[in-house]
Amino acid sequence: MPEGERPPREVLAEFESTCGACSRKKTPGVPLVPCPGCRLAHYCNDECQELDRARHSGECSFLAVMGFRLMFGTLIGMWII
């Protein structure tokens, strides 16, 4: 892996543990809700999801495809997990 790049699983873990709108970290008592489209972006609640909709809508379908490939280790042109 090139220097300065993080492993894909580490990046995915960050997506799952941080709200995409307000950057709040997931806590044991208050889980984050995944985006219904890509299931990679996570949000505190519907309000945070709505606040991030304009930014996230452009990347949602891309993340859905890439997330599937990352989970199954078929990311072409990059590392195999």
Protein backbone atom coordinates (compact mmCIF):
# COMPACT_ATOMS: atom_id res chain seq x y z
CA MET A 1 0.00 0.00 0.00
CA PRO A 2 1.40 3.44 -0.89
CA GLU A 3 2.70 5.50 2.01
CA GLY A 4 0.13 7.83 3.50
CA GLU A 5 -2.86 5.76 2.36
CA ARG A 6 -5.07 3.99 4.87
CA PRO A 7 -6.30 0.43 4.44
CA PRO A 8 -9.86 0.27 3.01
CA ARG A 9 -11.22 -1.51 6.08
CA GLU A 10 -9.97 1.34 8.27
CA VAL A 11 -11.74 3.87 6.06
CA LEU A 12 -14.96 1.82 6.19
CA ALA A 13 -14.74 1.61 9.97
CA GLU A 14 -14.53 5.41 10.14
CA PHE A 15 -17.63 5.76 7.93
CA GLU A 16 -19.53 3.44 10.24
CA SER A 17 -18.48 5.16 13.47
CA THR A 18 -18.91 8.85 12.56
CA CYS A 19 -22.00 10.87 11.61
CA GLY A 20 -21.64 12.12 8.02
CA ALA A 21 -23.24 15.48 8.88
CA CYS A 22 -22.07 16.53 12.35
CA SER A 23 -19.04 14.20 12.80
CA ARG A 24 -20.34 12.89 16.13
CA LYS A 25 -18.81 9.55 17.07
CA LYS A 26 -20.98 6.49 17.67
CA THR A 27 -21.50 5.69 21.35
CA PRO A 28 -22.71 2.42 22.92
CA GLY A 29 -26.12 3.84 23.88
CA VAL A 30 -26.75 5.85 20.70
CA PRO A 31 -26.04 3.97 17.46
CA LEU A 32 -25.73 5.70 14.09
CA VAL A 33 -28.26 4.94 11.35
CA PRO A 34 -26.88 3.88 7.94
CA CYS A 35 -27.88 5.59 4.71
CA PRO A 36 -30.52 3.38 3.07
CA GLY A 37 -28.84 3.81 -0.33
CA CYS A 38 -25.18 2.95 0.21
CA ARG A 39 -25.30 1.64 3.80
CA LEU A 40 -21.82 3.13 4.31
CA ALA A 41 -22.56 6.71 5.36
CA HIS A 42 -24.05 6.86 8.86
CA TYR A 43 -26.08 9.53 10.64
CA CYS A 44 -27.20 10.44 14.17
CA ASN A 45 -30.81 10.84 13.04
CA ASP A 46 -33.07 11.86 10.14
CA GLU A 47 -32.20 15.54 10.67
CA CYS A 48 -28.47 14.92 10.17
CA GLN A 49 -29.19 12.77 7.11
CA GLU A 50 -31.30 15.57 5.61
CA LEU A 51 -28.55 18.14 6.31
CA ASP A 52 -26.03 15.98 4.44
CA ARG A 53 -28.34 14.97 1.57
CA ALA A 54 -27.06 17.51 -1.00
CA ARG A 55 -23.42 16.55 -0.45
CA HIS A 56 -23.97 12.83 -0.04
CA SER A 57 -26.36 12.29 -2.97
CA GLY A 58 -23.48 12.70 -5.44
CA GLU A 59 -21.42 9.95 -3.83
CA CYS A 60 -24.14 7.58 -2.63
CA SER A 61 -24.39 5.29 -5.67
CA PHE A 62 -20.59 5.22 -6.03
CA LEU A 63 -20.21 4.25 -2.37
CA ALA A 64 -22.84 1.56 -2.75
CA VAL A 65 -20.83 -0.12 -5.52
CA MET A 66 -17.45 0.42 -3.87
CA GLY A 67 -18.70 -0.75 -0.48
CA PHE A 68 -19.89 -4.00 -2.01
CA ARG A 69 -16.53 -4.50 -3.71
CA LEU A 70 -14.60 -3.67 -0.54
CA MET A 71 -16.63 -6.16 1.48
CA PHE A 72 -15.89 -8.94 -0.97
CA GLY A 73 -12.30 -7.98 -1.83
CA THR A 74 -12.88 -7.28 -5.49
CA LEU A 75 -11.72 -3.70 -5.71
CA ILE A 76 -10.10 -3.56 -9.15
CA GLY A 77 -6.91 -1.55 -9.50
CA MET A 78 -6.34 -1.34 -5.76
CA TRP A 79 -5.52 -3.72 -2.96
CA ILE A 80 -7.39 -6.91 -2.47
CA ILE A 81 -8.61 -7.16 1.09
